[in-house]
Amino acid sequence: MALQDILKKIENEAKKKAVFIKQVADDEIKKIRGEAQAKADARRAEIEQKIEIQSAAVIEKSKILAMMEGRSQTLRQKREVIDQAYEEAETALNALSDHDYVALLGDMMKHVLKTAEKGSLIVPANRRKQTEDAIREAGADFEIKSETHDFKGGFVLMSGKVEINLSFSYLVQKIVRPATEVEIAKILFP
């Protein structure tokens, strides 16, 4: 064989090897791209699943917070209605006719006489006469010490070192309300 034939044969084998190497490289590139795509798809699916779980958690938390806020609003409104009921009760007591006011105070004084036989009273500024009438009706030995604008009905008795607050506002808020609030709520909101 001639040198030309040997060079041609070497060139042909080199071309075949180059084609084979290129084919192997293309296959390897294709394999790497496939693996990278599979990893990317798996990672994307994983991220999407996490996002879905987190979104569901956020939605559920938002629903719970909205429900709690709704309940809180409802409770506030119920509290306002209950507050208003007790305010109306106090207003009704303060708006009693003179006759009914004197009768109520007279009964209250008769009960107080079991604890204190003498004492001085603090009374609402506009109720001095009715209170004097109630003292006479109860047969009590009480004197009116002073008048105040701090409350509108009832009285505060001071006997020795004892002070008994029987103002309507105190009675409604500190005595009647704690004893009746649950029942009032049941009546108002069955």
N, C-alpha and C. Protein backbone atom coordinates (compact mmCIF):
# COMPACT_ATOMS: atom_id res chain seq x y z
N MET A 1 0.84 -1.16 0.00
CA MET A 1 0.00 0.00 0.00
C MET A 1 0.88 1.22 0.00
N ALA A 2 0.28 2.09 -0.58
CA ALA A 2 1.02 3.31 -0.73
C ALA A 2 0.75 4.22 0.45
N LEU A 3 1.63 5.15 0.60
CA LEU A 3 1.53 6.09 1.72
C LEU A 3 0.19 6.83 1.68
N GLN A 4 -0.24 7.10 0.52
CA GLN A 4 -1.50 7.79 0.33
C GLN A 4 -2.64 6.94 0.88
N ASP A 5 -2.62 5.64 0.62
CA ASP A 5 -3.68 4.73 1.08
C ASP A 5 -3.63 4.63 2.61
N ILE A 6 -2.44 4.60 3.18
CA ILE A 6 -2.30 4.49 4.64
C ILE A 6 -2.84 5.77 5.29
N LEU A 7 -2.54 6.90 4.74
CA LEU A 7 -3.03 8.16 5.28
C LEU A 7 -4.55 8.23 5.17
N LYS A 8 -5.08 7.74 4.04
CA LYS A 8 -6.52 7.75 3.83
C LYS A 8 -7.18 6.84 4.85
N LYS A 9 -6.59 5.65 5.07
CA LYS A 9 -7.14 4.71 6.03
C LYS A 9 -7.10 5.30 7.44
N ILE A 10 -6.00 5.95 7.83
CA ILE A 10 -5.88 6.58 9.15
C ILE A 10 -6.92 7.70 9.27
N GLU A 11 -7.08 8.45 8.19
CA GLU A 11 -8.04 9.55 8.19
C GLU A 11 -9.47 9.01 8.33
N ASN A 12 -9.77 7.90 7.65
CA ASN A 12 -11.12 7.30 7.73
C ASN A 12 -11.38 6.79 9.15
N GLU A 13 -10.37 6.13 9.73
CA GLU A 13 -10.54 5.61 11.10
C GLU A 13 -10.67 6.78 12.09
N ALA A 14 -9.93 7.83 11.85
CA ALA A 14 -10.03 9.00 12.72
C ALA A 14 -11.41 9.63 12.60
N LYS A 15 -11.95 9.67 11.39
CA LYS A 15 -13.30 10.21 11.19
C LYS A 15 -14.33 9.33 11.89
N LYS A 16 -14.16 7.97 11.77
CA LYS A 16 -15.08 7.05 12.43
C LYS A 16 -15.02 7.24 13.96
N LYS A 17 -13.74 7.37 14.48
CA LYS A 17 -13.59 7.56 15.92
C LYS A 17 -14.20 8.90 16.34
N ALA A 18 -14.02 9.94 15.52
CA ALA A 18 -14.58 11.26 15.84
C ALA A 18 -16.11 11.20 15.86
N VAL A 19 -16.69 10.46 14.87
CA VAL A 19 -18.15 10.31 14.83
C VAL A 19 -18.61 9.54 16.08
N PHE A 20 -17.85 8.46 16.43
CA PHE A 20 -18.20 7.66 17.60
C PHE A 20 -18.09 8.49 18.88
N ILE A 21 -17.00 9.26 19.02
CA ILE A 21 -16.78 10.09 20.20
C ILE A 21 -17.88 11.17 20.28
N LYS A 22 -18.22 11.75 19.11
CA LYS A 22 -19.28 12.76 19.08
C LYS A 22 -20.60 12.14 19.50
N GLN A 23 -20.86 10.90 19.01
CA GLN A 23 -22.10 10.19 19.36
C GLN A 23 -22.13 9.91 20.87
N VAL A 24 -21.00 9.46 21.43
CA VAL A 24 -20.91 9.18 22.86
C VAL A 24 -21.12 10.48 23.65
N ALA A 25 -20.49 11.56 23.21
CA ALA A 25 -20.63 12.85 23.88
C ALA A 25 -22.07 13.34 23.81
N ASP A 26 -22.70 13.20 22.61
CA ASP A 26 -24.11 13.61 22.47
C ASP A 26 -25.02 12.79 23.38
N ASP A 27 -24.74 11.47 23.44
CA ASP A 27 -25.52 10.60 24.33
C ASP A 27 -25.34 11.01 25.80
N GLU A 28 -24.09 11.31 26.17
CA GLU A 28 -23.80 11.72 27.55
C GLU A 28 -24.49 13.06 27.86
N ILE A 29 -24.43 13.99 26.90
CA ILE A 29 -25.11 15.29 27.07
C ILE A 29 -26.60 15.06 27.23
N LYS A 30 -27.17 14.19 26.38
CA LYS A 30 -28.60 13.88 26.44
C LYS A 30 -28.95 13.27 27.80
N LYS A 31 -28.08 12.35 28.26
CA LYS A 31 -28.30 11.69 29.56
C LYS A 31 -28.24 12.72 30.69
N ILE A 32 -27.23 13.61 30.65
CA ILE A 32 -27.07 14.65 31.69
C ILE A 32 -28.27 15.59 31.67
N ARG A 33 -28.70 15.98 30.47
CA ARG A 33 -29.87 16.87 30.36
C ARG A 33 -31.11 16.17 30.90
N GLY A 34 -31.27 14.91 30.60
CA GLY A 34 -32.43 14.14 31.10
C GLY A 34 -32.43 14.05 32.62
N GLU A 35 -31.24 13.76 33.19
CA GLU A 35 -31.13 13.68 34.65
C GLU A 35 -31.40 15.05 35.27
N ALA A 36 -30.83 16.10 34.65
CA ALA A 36 -31.05 17.45 35.18
C ALA A 36 -32.53 17.82 35.08
N GLN A 37 -33.17 17.47 33.99
CA GLN A 37 -34.60 17.75 33.83
C GLN A 37 -35.42 16.98 34.87
N ALA A 38 -35.06 15.72 35.10
CA ALA A 38 -35.77 14.90 36.09
C ALA A 38 -35.59 15.50 37.48
N LYS A 39 -34.34 15.92 37.81
CA LYS A 39 -34.10 16.55 39.10
C LYS A 39 -34.88 17.86 39.22
N ALA A 40 -34.88 18.65 38.15
CA ALA A 40 -35.61 19.92 38.16
C ALA A 40 -37.11 19.67 38.32
N ASP A 41 -37.64 18.66 37.62
CA ASP A 41 -39.07 18.33 37.73
C ASP A 41 -39.40 17.86 39.14
N ALA A 42 -38.53 17.03 39.72
CA ALA A 42 -38.76 16.53 41.08
C ALA A 42 -38.71 17.69 42.07
N ARG A 43 -37.74 18.58 41.91
CA ARG A 43 -37.61 19.72 42.81
C ARG A 43 -38.82 20.65 42.67
N ARG A 44 -39.26 20.87 41.42
CA ARG A 44 -40.43 21.72 41.16
C ARG A 44 -41.67 21.10 41.83
N ALA A 45 -41.84 19.79 41.69
CA ALA A 45 -42.98 19.11 42.32
C ALA A 45 -42.91 19.23 43.84
N GLU A 46 -41.70 19.09 44.38
CA GLU A 46 -41.50 19.20 45.82
C GLU A 46 -41.85 20.62 46.30
N ILE A 47 -41.38 21.62 45.58
CA ILE A 47 -41.67 23.02 45.93
C ILE A 47 -43.16 23.30 45.81
N GLU A 48 -43.78 22.81 44.73
CA GLU A 48 -45.21 23.02 44.55
C GLU A 48 -46.01 22.36 45.67
N GLN A 49 -45.58 21.17 46.10
CA GLN A 49 -46.26 20.49 47.18
C GLN A 49 -46.11 21.27 48.49
N LYS A 50 -44.89 21.78 48.77
CA LYS A 50 -44.68 22.59 49.97
C LYS A 50 -45.53 23.86 49.93
N ILE A 51 -45.57 24.49 48.76
CA ILE A 51 -46.37 25.71 48.61
C ILE A 51 -47.84 25.39 48.84
N GLU A 52 -48.30 24.28 48.31
CA GLU A 52 -49.69 23.88 48.49
C GLU A 52 -50.01 23.63 49.97
N ILE A 53 -49.10 22.95 50.66
CA ILE A 53 -49.29 22.67 52.09
C ILE A 53 -49.28 23.98 52.88
N GLN A 54 -48.31 24.85 52.58
CA GLN A 54 -48.22 26.13 53.28
C GLN A 54 -49.44 27.01 52.98
N SER A 55 -49.89 27.00 51.74
CA SER A 55 -51.06 27.79 51.37
C SER A 55 -52.29 27.29 52.11
N ALA A 56 -52.44 25.96 52.18
CA ALA A 56 -53.57 25.39 52.91
C ALA A 56 -53.50 25.78 54.38
N ALA A 57 -52.31 25.78 54.95
CA ALA A 57 -52.14 26.16 56.36
C ALA A 57 -52.49 27.63 56.57
N VAL A 58 -52.04 28.47 55.65
CA VAL A 58 -52.35 29.91 55.76
C VAL A 58 -53.85 30.14 55.63
N ILE A 59 -54.48 29.45 54.69
CA ILE A 59 -55.93 29.58 54.50
C ILE A 59 -56.66 29.12 55.75
N GLU A 60 -56.26 27.98 56.30
CA GLU A 60 -56.90 27.45 57.50
C GLU A 60 -56.71 28.40 58.68
N LYS A 61 -55.50 28.94 58.82
CA LYS A 61 -55.23 29.89 59.90
C LYS A 61 -56.09 31.15 59.72
N SER A 62 -56.21 31.61 58.48
CA SER A 62 -57.04 32.79 58.21
C SER A 62 -58.50 32.52 58.55
N LYS A 63 -58.98 31.33 58.23
CA LYS A 63 -60.36 30.96 58.56
C LYS A 63 -60.56 30.97 60.08
N ILE A 64 -59.60 30.38 60.79
CA ILE A 64 -59.70 30.32 62.25
C ILE A 64 -59.67 31.72 62.84
N LEU A 65 -58.75 32.56 62.35
CA LEU A 65 -58.67 33.94 62.85
C LEU A 65 -59.96 34.71 62.55
N ALA A 66 -60.51 34.51 61.35
CA ALA A 66 -61.76 35.18 61.00
C ALA A 66 -62.90 34.70 61.90
N MET A 67 -62.93 33.41 62.16
CA MET A 67 -63.97 32.85 63.03
C MET A 67 -63.82 33.41 64.45
N MET A 68 -62.57 33.47 64.93
CA MET A 68 -62.32 34.00 66.27
C MET A 68 -62.71 35.48 66.34
N GLU A 69 -62.37 36.23 65.31
CA GLU A 69 -62.73 37.65 65.27
C GLU A 69 -64.24 37.81 65.24
N GLY A 70 -64.91 36.96 64.49
CA GLY A 70 -66.38 37.00 64.45
C GLY A 70 -66.97 36.72 65.82
N ARG A 71 -66.44 35.71 66.50
CA ARG A 71 -66.92 35.40 67.85
C ARG A 71 -66.63 36.55 68.80
N SER A 72 -65.44 37.13 68.66
CA SER A 72 -65.07 38.25 69.51
C SER A 72 -66.03 39.42 69.30
N GLN A 73 -66.35 39.70 68.04
CA GLN A 73 -67.30 40.78 67.72
C GLN A 73 -68.66 40.47 68.34
N THR A 74 -69.10 39.21 68.20
CA THR A 74 -70.39 38.81 68.75
C THR A 74 -70.39 38.97 70.26
N LEU A 75 -69.32 38.54 70.91
CA LEU A 75 -69.23 38.69 72.36
C LEU A 75 -69.24 40.16 72.78
N ARG A 76 -68.52 41.00 72.03
CA ARG A 76 -68.52 42.44 72.33
C ARG A 76 -69.93 43.01 72.20
N GLN A 77 -70.62 42.60 71.15
CA GLN A 77 -71.98 43.11 70.95
C GLN A 77 -72.91 42.60 72.05
N LYS A 78 -72.75 41.34 72.44
CA LYS A 78 -73.57 40.81 73.54
C LYS A 78 -73.26 41.55 74.83
N ARG A 79 -71.98 41.81 75.07
CA ARG A 79 -71.57 42.55 76.28
C ARG A 79 -72.21 43.93 76.28
N GLU A 80 -72.24 44.58 75.11
CA GLU A 80 -72.84 45.91 75.01
C GLU A 80 -74.34 45.85 75.32
N VAL A 81 -75.00 44.79 74.83
CA VAL A 81 -76.44 44.64 75.10
C VAL A 81 -76.67 44.42 76.59
N ILE A 82 -75.84 43.59 77.20
CA ILE A 82 -75.97 43.33 78.64
C ILE A 82 -75.68 44.61 79.43
N ASP A 83 -74.62 45.33 79.06
CA ASP A 83 -74.31 46.60 79.72
C ASP A 83 -75.51 47.55 79.62
N GLN A 84 -76.09 47.61 78.43
CA GLN A 84 -77.23 48.49 78.21
C GLN A 84 -78.42 48.07 79.07
N ALA A 85 -78.64 46.77 79.24
CA ALA A 85 -79.74 46.29 80.07
C ALA A 85 -79.57 46.76 81.51
N TYR A 86 -78.36 46.66 82.04
CA TYR A 86 -78.13 47.11 83.42
C TYR A 86 -78.20 48.63 83.53
N GLU A 87 -77.73 49.33 82.51
CA GLU A 87 -77.85 50.79 82.52
C GLU A 87 -79.32 51.20 82.50
N GLU A 88 -80.13 50.48 81.72
CA GLU A 88 -81.55 50.79 81.68
C GLU A 88 -82.23 50.48 83.01
N ALA A 89 -81.77 49.42 83.68
CA ALA A 89 -82.32 49.11 85.00
C ALA A 89 -82.00 50.23 85.98
N GLU A 90 -80.77 50.71 85.94
CA GLU A 90 -80.38 51.81 86.83
C GLU A 90 -81.15 53.08 86.48
N THR A 91 -81.31 53.34 85.19
CA THR A 91 -82.07 54.51 84.74
C THR A 91 -83.51 54.41 85.22
N ALA A 92 -84.08 53.21 85.14
CA ALA A 92 -85.47 53.02 85.60
C ALA A 92 -85.58 53.27 87.10
N LEU A 93 -84.61 52.81 87.87
CA LEU A 93 -84.63 53.08 89.32
C LEU A 93 -84.53 54.58 89.59
N ASN A 94 -83.66 55.25 88.87
CA ASN A 94 -83.48 56.69 89.07
C ASN A 94 -84.69 57.49 88.61
N ALA A 95 -85.50 56.92 87.74
CA ALA A 95 -86.66 57.62 87.19
C ALA A 95 -87.96 57.28 87.93
N LEU A 96 -87.85 56.57 89.05
CA LEU A 96 -89.06 56.24 89.81
C LEU A 96 -89.81 57.51 90.21
N SER A 97 -91.12 57.39 90.29
CA SER A 97 -91.92 58.53 90.76
C SER A 97 -91.52 58.81 92.21
N ASP A 98 -91.83 59.98 92.67
CA ASP A 98 -91.48 60.35 94.04
C ASP A 98 -92.05 59.33 95.03
N HIS A 99 -93.30 58.94 94.83
CA HIS A 99 -93.96 57.99 95.74
C HIS A 99 -93.21 56.66 95.75
N ASP A 100 -92.92 56.12 94.56
CA ASP A 100 -92.22 54.84 94.49
C ASP A 100 -90.79 54.93 95.01
N TYR A 101 -90.14 56.06 94.75
CA TYR A 101 -88.77 56.27 95.22
C TYR A 101 -88.74 56.28 96.75
N VAL A 102 -89.67 57.01 97.36
CA VAL A 102 -89.73 57.09 98.82
C VAL A 102 -90.02 55.71 99.40
N ALA A 103 -90.94 54.96 98.78
CA ALA A 103 -91.28 53.62 99.28
C ALA A 103 -90.07 52.70 99.18
N LEU A 104 -89.35 52.73 98.06
CA LEU A 104 -88.17 51.88 97.90
C LEU A 104 -87.08 52.24 98.92
N LEU A 105 -86.78 53.52 99.05
CA LEU A 105 -85.76 53.94 100.02
C LEU A 105 -86.19 53.59 101.45
N GLY A 106 -87.49 53.75 101.74
CA GLY A 106 -87.99 53.39 103.07
C GLY A 106 -87.74 51.91 103.35
N ASP A 107 -88.03 51.03 102.38
CA ASP A 107 -87.77 49.59 102.56
C ASP A 107 -86.28 49.32 102.74
N MET A 108 -85.46 49.99 101.96
CA MET A 108 -84.01 49.81 102.07
C MET A 108 -83.53 50.23 103.46
N MET A 109 -84.05 51.34 103.95
CA MET A 109 -83.64 51.84 105.27
C MET A 109 -84.09 50.89 106.38
N LYS A 110 -85.27 50.32 106.23
CA LYS A 110 -85.75 49.35 107.24
C LYS A 110 -84.80 48.16 107.33
N HIS A 111 -84.28 47.70 106.18
CA HIS A 111 -83.31 46.58 106.18
C HIS A 111 -81.99 47.02 106.80
N VAL A 112 -81.60 48.25 106.53
CA VAL A 112 -80.33 48.76 107.06
C VAL A 112 -80.41 48.95 108.58
N LEU A 113 -81.61 49.24 109.09
CA LEU A 113 -81.77 49.43 110.54
C LEU A 113 -81.36 48.19 111.33
N LYS A 114 -81.36 47.02 110.69
CA LYS A 114 -80.94 45.78 111.36
C LYS A 114 -79.44 45.81 111.63
N THR A 115 -78.71 46.59 110.83
CA THR A 115 -77.26 46.67 110.95
C THR A 115 -76.82 47.95 111.66
N ALA A 116 -77.48 49.05 111.34
CA ALA A 116 -77.08 50.34 111.90
C ALA A 116 -78.32 51.11 112.31
N GLU A 117 -78.40 51.48 113.58
CA GLU A 117 -79.58 52.19 114.09
C GLU A 117 -79.47 53.69 113.87
N LYS A 118 -78.26 54.22 113.83
CA LYS A 118 -78.04 55.65 113.63
C LYS A 118 -77.01 55.83 112.52
N GLY A 119 -77.02 57.00 111.95
CA GLY A 119 -76.00 57.29 110.96
C GLY A 119 -76.34 58.52 110.16
N SER A 120 -75.41 58.89 109.31
CA SER A 120 -75.63 60.03 108.43
C SER A 120 -75.59 59.53 106.99
N LEU A 121 -76.32 60.25 106.16
CA LEU A 121 -76.48 59.83 104.76
C LEU A 121 -75.86 60.83 103.80
N ILE A 122 -75.34 60.29 102.73
CA ILE A 122 -74.98 61.09 101.57
C ILE A 122 -76.03 60.74 100.53
N VAL A 123 -76.67 61.75 99.98
CA VAL A 123 -77.79 61.51 99.07
C VAL A 123 -77.58 62.28 97.77
N PRO A 124 -78.29 61.89 96.73
CA PRO A 124 -78.20 62.65 95.48
C PRO A 124 -78.70 64.08 95.69
N ALA A 125 -78.09 64.99 94.99
CA ALA A 125 -78.39 66.41 95.18
C ALA A 125 -79.86 66.75 94.95
N ASN A 126 -80.50 66.09 94.03
CA ASN A 126 -81.89 66.43 93.71
C ASN A 126 -82.90 65.54 94.44
N ARG A 127 -82.47 64.74 95.42
CA ARG A 127 -83.37 63.80 96.08
C ARG A 127 -83.44 64.01 97.61
N ARG A 128 -83.09 65.16 98.09
CA ARG A 128 -83.07 65.40 99.54
C ARG A 128 -84.46 65.21 100.16
N LYS A 129 -85.48 65.85 99.59
CA LYS A 129 -86.83 65.79 100.16
C LYS A 129 -87.36 64.35 100.18
N GLN A 130 -87.19 63.62 99.05
CA GLN A 130 -87.69 62.24 99.01
C GLN A 130 -86.96 61.38 100.05
N THR A 131 -85.67 61.64 100.25
CA THR A 131 -84.90 60.87 101.22
C THR A 131 -85.38 61.19 102.64
N GLU A 132 -85.66 62.46 102.92
CA GLU A 132 -86.20 62.83 104.24
C GLU A 132 -87.53 62.12 104.48
N ASP A 133 -88.39 62.06 103.45
CA ASP A 133 -89.67 61.36 103.56
C ASP A 133 -89.45 59.88 103.84
N ALA A 134 -88.45 59.27 103.18
CA ALA A 134 -88.16 57.85 103.38
C ALA A 134 -87.64 57.59 104.79
N ILE A 135 -86.86 58.52 105.32
CA ILE A 135 -86.34 58.38 106.70
C ILE A 135 -87.52 58.35 107.67
N ARG A 136 -88.47 59.29 107.48
CA ARG A 136 -89.65 59.32 108.34
C ARG A 136 -90.47 58.03 108.20
N GLU A 137 -90.65 57.58 106.94
CA GLU A 137 -91.45 56.37 106.69
C GLU A 137 -90.81 55.15 107.35
N ALA A 138 -89.48 55.07 107.31
CA ALA A 138 -88.77 53.92 107.89
C ALA A 138 -88.65 54.04 109.40
N GLY A 139 -88.89 55.24 109.95
CA GLY A 139 -88.71 55.46 111.39
C GLY A 139 -87.26 55.35 111.79
N ALA A 140 -86.37 55.80 110.89
CA ALA A 140 -84.93 55.67 111.11
C ALA A 140 -84.38 56.93 111.77
N ASP A 141 -83.27 56.76 112.47
CA ASP A 141 -82.59 57.88 113.10
C ASP A 141 -81.37 58.24 112.25
N PHE A 142 -81.66 58.61 110.99
CA PHE A 142 -80.59 58.99 110.06
C PHE A 142 -80.73 60.48 109.78
N GLU A 143 -79.58 61.12 109.57
CA GLU A 143 -79.60 62.52 109.17
C GLU A 143 -78.87 62.65 107.84
N ILE A 144 -79.26 63.61 107.07
CA ILE A 144 -78.60 63.84 105.78
C ILE A 144 -77.38 64.70 106.04
N LYS A 145 -76.22 64.12 105.78
CA LYS A 145 -74.94 64.80 106.02
C LYS A 145 -74.58 65.70 104.84
N SER A 146 -74.74 65.15 103.63
CA SER A 146 -74.38 65.95 102.45
C SER A 146 -75.11 65.42 101.22
N GLU A 147 -75.05 66.27 100.19
CA GLU A 147 -75.65 65.90 98.91
C GLU A 147 -74.52 65.81 97.88
N THR A 148 -74.73 64.94 96.89
CA THR A 148 -73.68 64.72 95.89
C THR A 148 -74.28 64.57 94.49
N HIS A 149 -73.42 64.79 93.52
CA HIS A 149 -73.80 64.54 92.13
C HIS A 149 -73.15 63.25 91.62
N ASP A 150 -72.48 62.51 92.52
CA ASP A 150 -71.77 61.29 92.13
C ASP A 150 -72.72 60.15 91.75
N PHE A 151 -73.92 60.17 92.28
CA PHE A 151 -74.92 59.17 91.91
C PHE A 151 -76.29 59.83 91.91
N LYS A 152 -77.27 59.18 91.26
CA LYS A 152 -78.57 59.82 91.04
C LYS A 152 -79.68 59.27 91.93
N GLY A 153 -79.45 58.13 92.53
CA GLY A 153 -80.50 57.55 93.35
C GLY A 153 -79.92 56.67 94.43
N GLY A 154 -80.69 56.45 95.51
CA GLY A 154 -80.21 55.66 96.62
C GLY A 154 -79.52 56.53 97.64
N PHE A 155 -78.63 55.94 98.43
CA PHE A 155 -77.91 56.71 99.45
C PHE A 155 -76.68 55.93 99.91
N VAL A 156 -75.80 56.63 100.60
CA VAL A 156 -74.64 56.02 101.25
C VAL A 156 -74.81 56.32 102.73
N LEU A 157 -74.81 55.26 103.55
CA LEU A 157 -74.97 55.41 105.00
C LEU A 157 -73.61 55.30 105.67
N MET A 158 -73.33 56.26 106.55
CA MET A 158 -72.11 56.20 107.35
C MET A 158 -72.55 56.12 108.80
N SER A 159 -72.16 55.00 109.42
CA SER A 159 -72.54 54.76 110.80
C SER A 159 -71.28 54.33 111.55
N GLY A 160 -70.76 55.22 112.36
CA GLY A 160 -69.50 54.93 113.04
C GLY A 160 -68.39 54.82 112.01
N LYS A 161 -67.69 53.71 112.03
CA LYS A 161 -66.61 53.49 111.06
C LYS A 161 -67.07 52.69 109.85
N VAL A 162 -68.37 52.41 109.78
CA VAL A 162 -68.92 51.58 108.70
C VAL A 162 -69.57 52.48 107.65
N GLU A 163 -69.29 52.17 106.40
CA GLU A 163 -69.94 52.87 105.29
C GLU A 163 -70.67 51.83 104.46
N ILE A 164 -71.95 52.06 104.25
CA ILE A 164 -72.76 51.13 103.46
C ILE A 164 -73.24 51.88 102.22
N ASN A 165 -72.78 51.44 101.08
CA ASN A 165 -73.14 52.09 99.82
C ASN A 165 -74.40 51.44 99.27
N LEU A 166 -75.47 52.19 99.28
CA LEU A 166 -76.74 51.71 98.73
C LEU A 166 -77.21 52.64 97.62
N SER A 167 -76.24 53.23 96.92
CA SER A 167 -76.61 54.03 95.74
C SER A 167 -77.06 53.05 94.66
N PHE A 168 -77.99 53.48 93.83
CA PHE A 168 -78.52 52.58 92.81
C PHE A 168 -77.42 52.11 91.86
N SER A 169 -76.51 53.01 91.53
CA SER A 169 -75.44 52.61 90.61
C SER A 169 -74.58 51.51 91.23
N TYR A 170 -74.25 51.65 92.51
CA TYR A 170 -73.45 50.62 93.18
C TYR A 170 -74.23 49.32 93.29
N LEU A 171 -75.48 49.41 93.70
CA LEU A 171 -76.30 48.21 93.85
C LEU A 171 -76.43 47.45 92.53
N VAL A 172 -76.70 48.18 91.45
CA VAL A 172 -76.89 47.52 90.15
C VAL A 172 -75.58 46.90 89.67
N GLN A 173 -74.49 47.66 89.73
CA GLN A 173 -73.23 47.19 89.15
C GLN A 173 -72.46 46.20 90.04
N LYS A 174 -72.53 46.37 91.35
CA LYS A 174 -71.69 45.55 92.24
C LYS A 174 -72.45 44.44 92.97
N ILE A 175 -73.75 44.57 93.09
CA ILE A 175 -74.53 43.56 93.81
C ILE A 175 -75.42 42.77 92.85
N VAL A 176 -76.28 43.48 92.15
CA VAL A 176 -77.26 42.81 91.28
C VAL A 176 -76.59 42.18 90.06
N ARG A 177 -75.74 42.92 89.39
CA ARG A 177 -75.13 42.41 88.15
C ARG A 177 -74.34 41.12 88.36
N PRO A 178 -73.42 41.06 89.31
CA PRO A 178 -72.68 39.80 89.49
C PRO A 178 -73.59 38.61 89.81
N ALA A 179 -74.69 38.89 90.50
CA ALA A 179 -75.58 37.81 90.90
C ALA A 179 -76.52 37.38 89.77
N THR A 180 -76.73 38.25 88.78
CA THR A 180 -77.74 37.95 87.76
C THR A 180 -77.23 37.92 86.33
N GLU A 181 -75.99 38.28 86.11
CA GLU A 181 -75.50 38.46 84.73
C GLU A 181 -75.62 37.20 83.88
N VAL A 182 -75.31 36.05 84.45
CA VAL A 182 -75.39 34.80 83.67
C VAL A 182 -76.84 34.54 83.26
N GLU A 183 -77.75 34.72 84.19
CA GLU A 183 -79.17 34.50 83.88
C GLU A 183 -79.68 35.50 82.85
N ILE A 184 -79.27 36.75 82.99
CA ILE A 184 -79.66 37.78 82.02
C ILE A 184 -79.14 37.43 80.63
N ALA A 185 -77.90 36.95 80.56
CA ALA A 185 -77.32 36.55 79.27
C ALA A 185 -78.12 35.40 78.68
N LYS A 186 -78.53 34.44 79.50
CA LYS A 186 -79.33 33.31 79.01
C LYS A 186 -80.68 33.78 78.49
N ILE A 187 -81.26 34.77 79.15
CA ILE A 187 -82.55 35.29 78.71
C ILE A 187 -82.39 36.07 77.41
N LEU A 188 -81.38 36.93 77.33
CA LEU A 188 -81.16 37.73 76.15
C LEU A 188 -80.66 36.93 74.95
N PHE A 189 -79.86 35.90 75.22
CA PHE A 189 -79.23 35.14 74.14
C PHE A 189 -79.43 33.65 74.37
N PRO A 190 -80.66 33.18 74.16
CA PRO A 190 -80.95 31.76 74.43
C PRO A 190 -80.21 30.81 73.50
